[in-house]
Amino acid sequence: GSLALIASAFRFFALPPDGFPCRLRTPAAATDGWNSPYTIFESHLSDRPFIVDTIREFFHRRGAALRYLLHPIYSVERDAAGAIVRMRSLDTAAQKESFVHCAIDRLPDAELADLERRLTDCLGDVRAATDDYPKMRDQLAAVQAELAHSPGSETDEARRLLGWLGDGNFVFLGYGSVDQSSSCEGRGRRFAESSALGVLRIPERAREI
């Protein structure tokens, strides 16, 4: 049982993390080589903030109790095809990859596929937001610089607000600019897709605004 669990986890971790693979299942000896009284969730991403927080919060909202959660981080070297060449404990020269293995009170089999898809979407949001975080900070600095040359009480208030947000009081998830447009039907606003950063790069998220 333990060897089958380890072998299964390693085969999963061996997949390149570019597609941030996730899986949610209740293992059975016939299909997985080992049994578990719990439902098991595993994810594999390049290391970044908010992975564990996102997973914990997802299952908390679902009302599913986490029995244990393991989150090792490895330095991994891969070849051009994405196959593992070497793994070791943390080394600043190699890419750091996150592996999560957690056990949840058993969930109904009929719900697993939908929950897996939704949790994959959540982790996709995490990846988009953290990948673009430096660019979003650059946009914040650009707007602050633009406001610095625009006098006025409202501008001063906006500048102070942006400074407060940039001092660690806000988690930047997405950025996008909105174009003002005027037509024969009247004035309107249009989201500029080319400006999108973070979660707003994901079409489903952009449509929500």
Protein backbone atom coordinates (compact mmCIF):
# COMPACT_ATOMS: atom_id res chain seq x y z
CA GLY A 1 0.00 0.00 0.00
CA SER A 2 2.65 2.54 1.01
CA LEU A 3 4.88 1.69 -1.96
CA ALA A 4 1.94 2.04 -4.35
CA LEU A 5 1.08 5.43 -2.81
CA ILE A 6 4.67 6.67 -3.22
CA ALA A 7 4.96 5.34 -6.76
CA SER A 8 1.65 6.96 -7.73
CA ALA A 9 2.70 10.29 -6.22
CA PHE A 10 6.05 10.23 -8.02
CA ARG A 11 4.45 9.45 -11.40
CA PHE A 12 2.15 12.41 -10.85
CA PHE A 13 5.02 14.70 -9.79
CA ALA A 14 7.05 13.59 -12.81
CA LEU A 15 4.58 15.42 -15.07
CA PRO A 16 5.85 18.90 -16.05
CA PRO A 17 4.19 21.56 -13.87
CA ASP A 18 3.36 23.87 -16.78
CA GLY A 19 -0.21 22.60 -16.93
CA PHE A 20 -0.46 22.67 -13.11
CA PRO A 21 -1.84 19.10 -12.93
CA CYS A 22 -4.37 18.43 -10.19
CA ARG A 23 -6.28 15.29 -9.27
CA LEU A 24 -8.98 14.45 -6.77
CA ARG A 25 -9.88 10.82 -6.20
CA THR A 26 -10.68 8.19 -3.61
CA PRO A 27 -7.99 5.54 -4.16
CA ALA A 28 -8.94 1.90 -4.50
CA ALA A 29 -6.64 -1.10 -4.75
CA ALA A 30 -8.12 -2.21 -8.07
CA THR A 31 -7.31 1.06 -9.83
CA ASP A 32 -4.57 2.70 -7.76
CA GLY A 33 -2.83 -0.18 -6.01
CA TRP A 34 -3.77 1.12 -2.57
CA ASN A 35 -6.86 1.87 -0.51
CA SER A 36 -7.62 4.97 1.49
CA PRO A 37 -10.47 5.79 3.86
CA TYR A 38 -10.13 9.38 2.61
CA THR A 39 -10.46 11.27 -0.65
CA ILE A 40 -7.04 12.43 -1.81
CA PHE A 41 -6.19 15.68 -3.57
CA GLU A 42 -2.82 16.29 -5.22
CA SER A 43 -1.47 19.28 -7.11
CA HIS A 44 1.83 20.09 -8.77
CA LEU A 45 2.84 23.66 -9.66
CA SER A 46 5.99 25.68 -9.84
CA ASP A 47 6.38 27.04 -6.33
CA ARG A 48 4.56 30.28 -5.53
CA PRO A 49 2.55 31.93 -2.72
CA PHE A 50 -1.06 31.08 -1.85
CA ILE A 51 -1.14 27.44 -3.03
CA VAL A 52 -1.87 25.91 0.36
CA ASP A 53 -4.15 28.79 1.44
CA THR A 54 -6.23 28.34 -1.73
CA ILE A 55 -6.61 24.59 -1.25
CA ARG A 56 -7.51 24.89 2.43
CA GLU A 57 -10.08 27.60 1.78
CA PHE A 58 -11.64 25.64 -1.10
CA PHE A 59 -12.32 22.59 1.05
CA HIS A 60 -13.35 24.73 4.02
CA ARG A 61 -16.07 26.38 1.89
CA ARG A 62 -17.14 22.92 0.75
CA GLY A 63 -17.42 21.82 4.39
CA ALA A 64 -14.90 19.02 3.85
CA ALA A 65 -12.49 18.39 6.72
CA LEU A 66 -8.78 18.11 5.89
CA ARG A 67 -7.22 15.26 7.85
CA TYR A 68 -3.65 15.98 6.80
CA LEU A 69 -1.78 18.05 4.23
CA LEU A 70 1.78 17.57 2.99
CA HIS A 71 3.52 20.30 1.01
CA PRO A 72 7.10 19.46 0.11
CA ILE A 73 8.99 21.80 -2.22
CA TYR A 74 11.80 20.40 -4.37
CA SER A 75 14.48 21.82 -6.60
CA VAL A 76 14.01 20.03 -9.92
CA GLU A 77 16.03 19.94 -13.10
CA ARG A 78 14.20 18.80 -16.24
CA ASP A 79 15.28 18.15 -19.80
CA ALA A 80 13.84 19.87 -22.87
CA ALA A 81 10.95 17.38 -22.95
CA GLY A 82 10.06 18.09 -19.31
CA ALA A 83 11.37 14.81 -17.91
CA ILE A 84 13.02 14.92 -14.49
CA VAL A 85 16.81 14.82 -14.65
CA ARG A 86 17.52 15.46 -11.00
CA MET A 87 15.63 16.23 -7.77
CA ARG A 88 17.09 17.45 -4.54
CA SER A 89 16.39 19.49 -1.47
CA LEU A 90 16.11 23.21 -2.07
CA ASP A 91 18.83 24.63 -4.29
CA THR A 92 18.65 28.25 -5.41
CA ALA A 93 20.00 27.38 -8.87
CA ALA A 94 17.17 25.03 -9.85
CA GLN A 95 13.47 25.57 -10.42
CA LYS A 96 11.41 25.06 -7.28
CA GLU A 97 8.34 22.89 -7.68
CA SER A 98 5.49 22.49 -5.20
CA PHE A 99 3.75 19.19 -4.53
CA VAL A 100 0.62 19.03 -2.38
CA HIS A 101 -0.85 15.77 -1.09
CA CYS A 102 -3.82 16.09 1.24
CA ALA A 103 -6.48 13.81 2.66
CA ILE A 104 -10.09 14.94 3.01
CA ASP A 105 -13.05 13.19 4.58
CA ARG A 106 -14.45 10.95 1.86
CA LEU A 107 -16.43 12.84 -0.79
CA PRO A 108 -19.13 11.36 -3.05
CA ASP A 109 -17.65 9.91 -6.23
CA ALA A 110 -20.26 11.72 -8.32
CA GLU A 111 -18.90 15.10 -7.16
CA LEU A 112 -15.19 14.48 -7.66
CA ALA A 113 -14.85 15.53 -11.31
CA ASP A 114 -16.65 18.84 -10.77
CA LEU A 115 -14.71 19.62 -7.57
CA GLU A 116 -11.43 18.79 -9.30
CA ARG A 117 -12.29 21.15 -12.18
CA ARG A 118 -13.26 23.96 -9.81
CA LEU A 119 -10.14 23.59 -7.68
CA THR A 120 -7.99 23.49 -10.82
CA ASP A 121 -9.62 26.78 -11.85
CA CYS A 122 -8.81 28.28 -8.43
CA LEU A 123 -5.17 27.26 -8.72
CA GLY A 124 -5.15 28.64 -12.26
CA ASP A 125 -6.16 31.99 -10.76
CA VAL A 126 -3.28 31.71 -8.30
CA ARG A 127 -0.83 31.02 -11.10
CA ALA A 128 -2.07 33.93 -13.23
CA ALA A 129 -2.00 36.40 -10.32
CA THR A 130 1.43 35.41 -9.04
CA ASP A 131 3.02 35.18 -12.50
CA ASP A 132 1.92 38.74 -13.29
CA TYR A 133 2.48 40.26 -9.85
CA PRO A 134 5.66 42.20 -10.86
CA LYS A 135 3.88 43.60 -13.93
CA MET A 136 0.91 44.68 -11.84
CA ARG A 137 3.26 46.48 -9.45
CA ASP A 138 4.82 48.21 -12.46
CA GLN A 139 1.38 49.38 -13.58
CA LEU A 140 0.67 50.70 -10.08
CA ALA A 141 3.93 52.68 -10.17
CA ALA A 142 3.08 54.04 -13.63
CA VAL A 143 -0.33 55.28 -12.50
CA GLN A 144 1.19 56.84 -9.38
CA ALA A 145 3.77 58.63 -11.55
CA GLU A 146 1.03 59.90 -13.86
CA LEU A 147 -1.02 61.22 -10.92
CA ALA A 148 2.02 63.00 -9.51
CA HIS A 149 1.79 65.47 -12.39
CA SER A 150 -1.96 66.07 -12.00
CA PRO A 151 -2.80 68.55 -9.21
CA GLY A 152 -6.12 68.55 -7.43
CA SER A 153 -7.72 67.27 -4.22
CA GLU A 154 -9.27 64.22 -5.89
CA THR A 155 -5.93 63.35 -7.45
CA ASP A 156 -4.20 63.69 -4.07
CA GLU A 157 -6.75 61.36 -2.52
CA ALA A 158 -6.31 58.80 -5.33
CA ARG A 159 -2.53 59.00 -4.97
CA ARG A 160 -2.72 58.38 -1.21
CA LEU A 161 -5.06 55.43 -1.77
CA LEU A 162 -2.70 53.86 -4.32
CA GLY A 163 0.23 54.38 -1.96
CA TRP A 164 -1.67 52.65 0.82
CA LEU A 165 -2.58 49.72 -1.45
CA GLY A 166 1.02 49.40 -2.58
CA ASP A 167 2.31 49.25 1.01
CA GLY A 168 1.14 45.67 1.44
CA ASN A 169 -2.48 46.40 2.30
CA PHE A 170 -3.93 44.77 -0.81
CA VAL A 171 -3.45 41.50 -2.70
CA PHE A 172 -3.13 42.26 -6.39
CA LEU A 173 -5.10 39.65 -8.33
CA GLY A 174 -5.65 41.37 -11.65
CA TYR A 175 -5.22 44.55 -13.63
CA GLY A 176 -6.87 45.94 -16.73
CA SER A 177 -7.59 49.30 -18.27
CA VAL A 178 -11.02 50.45 -19.35
CA ASP A 179 -11.43 52.53 -22.51
CA GLN A 180 -14.02 55.27 -22.58
CA SER A 181 -15.95 55.13 -25.82
CA SER A 182 -18.60 57.29 -27.36
CA SER A 183 -20.91 56.33 -30.17
CA CYS A 184 -24.27 57.24 -31.58
CA GLU A 185 -25.81 55.16 -28.80
CA GLY A 186 -24.04 57.18 -26.14
CA ARG A 187 -21.04 56.85 -23.87
CA GLY A 188 -19.79 53.54 -22.58
CA ARG A 189 -16.82 51.66 -21.18
CA ARG A 190 -14.97 48.80 -22.80
CA PHE A 191 -12.45 46.54 -21.12
CA ALA A 192 -9.16 46.62 -23.03
CA GLU A 193 -8.27 42.93 -23.27
CA SER A 194 -4.72 43.69 -24.41
CA SER A 195 -4.03 45.36 -21.04
CA ALA A 196 -5.14 42.39 -18.94
CA LEU A 197 -2.84 41.03 -16.26
CA GLY A 198 -3.31 38.43 -13.53
CA VAL A 199 -6.70 36.75 -13.31
CA LEU A 200 -8.14 39.16 -15.89
CA ARG A 201 -6.08 37.31 -18.51
CA ILE A 202 -8.55 34.46 -17.98
CA PRO A 203 -11.59 35.18 -20.20
CA GLU A 204 -14.09 33.78 -17.69
CA ARG A 205 -12.75 36.11 -14.98
CA ALA A 206 -12.67 39.14 -17.27
CA ARG A 207 -16.32 38.60 -18.17
CA GLU A 208 -17.22 38.75 -14.47
CA ILE A 209 -16.33 42.43 -14.31
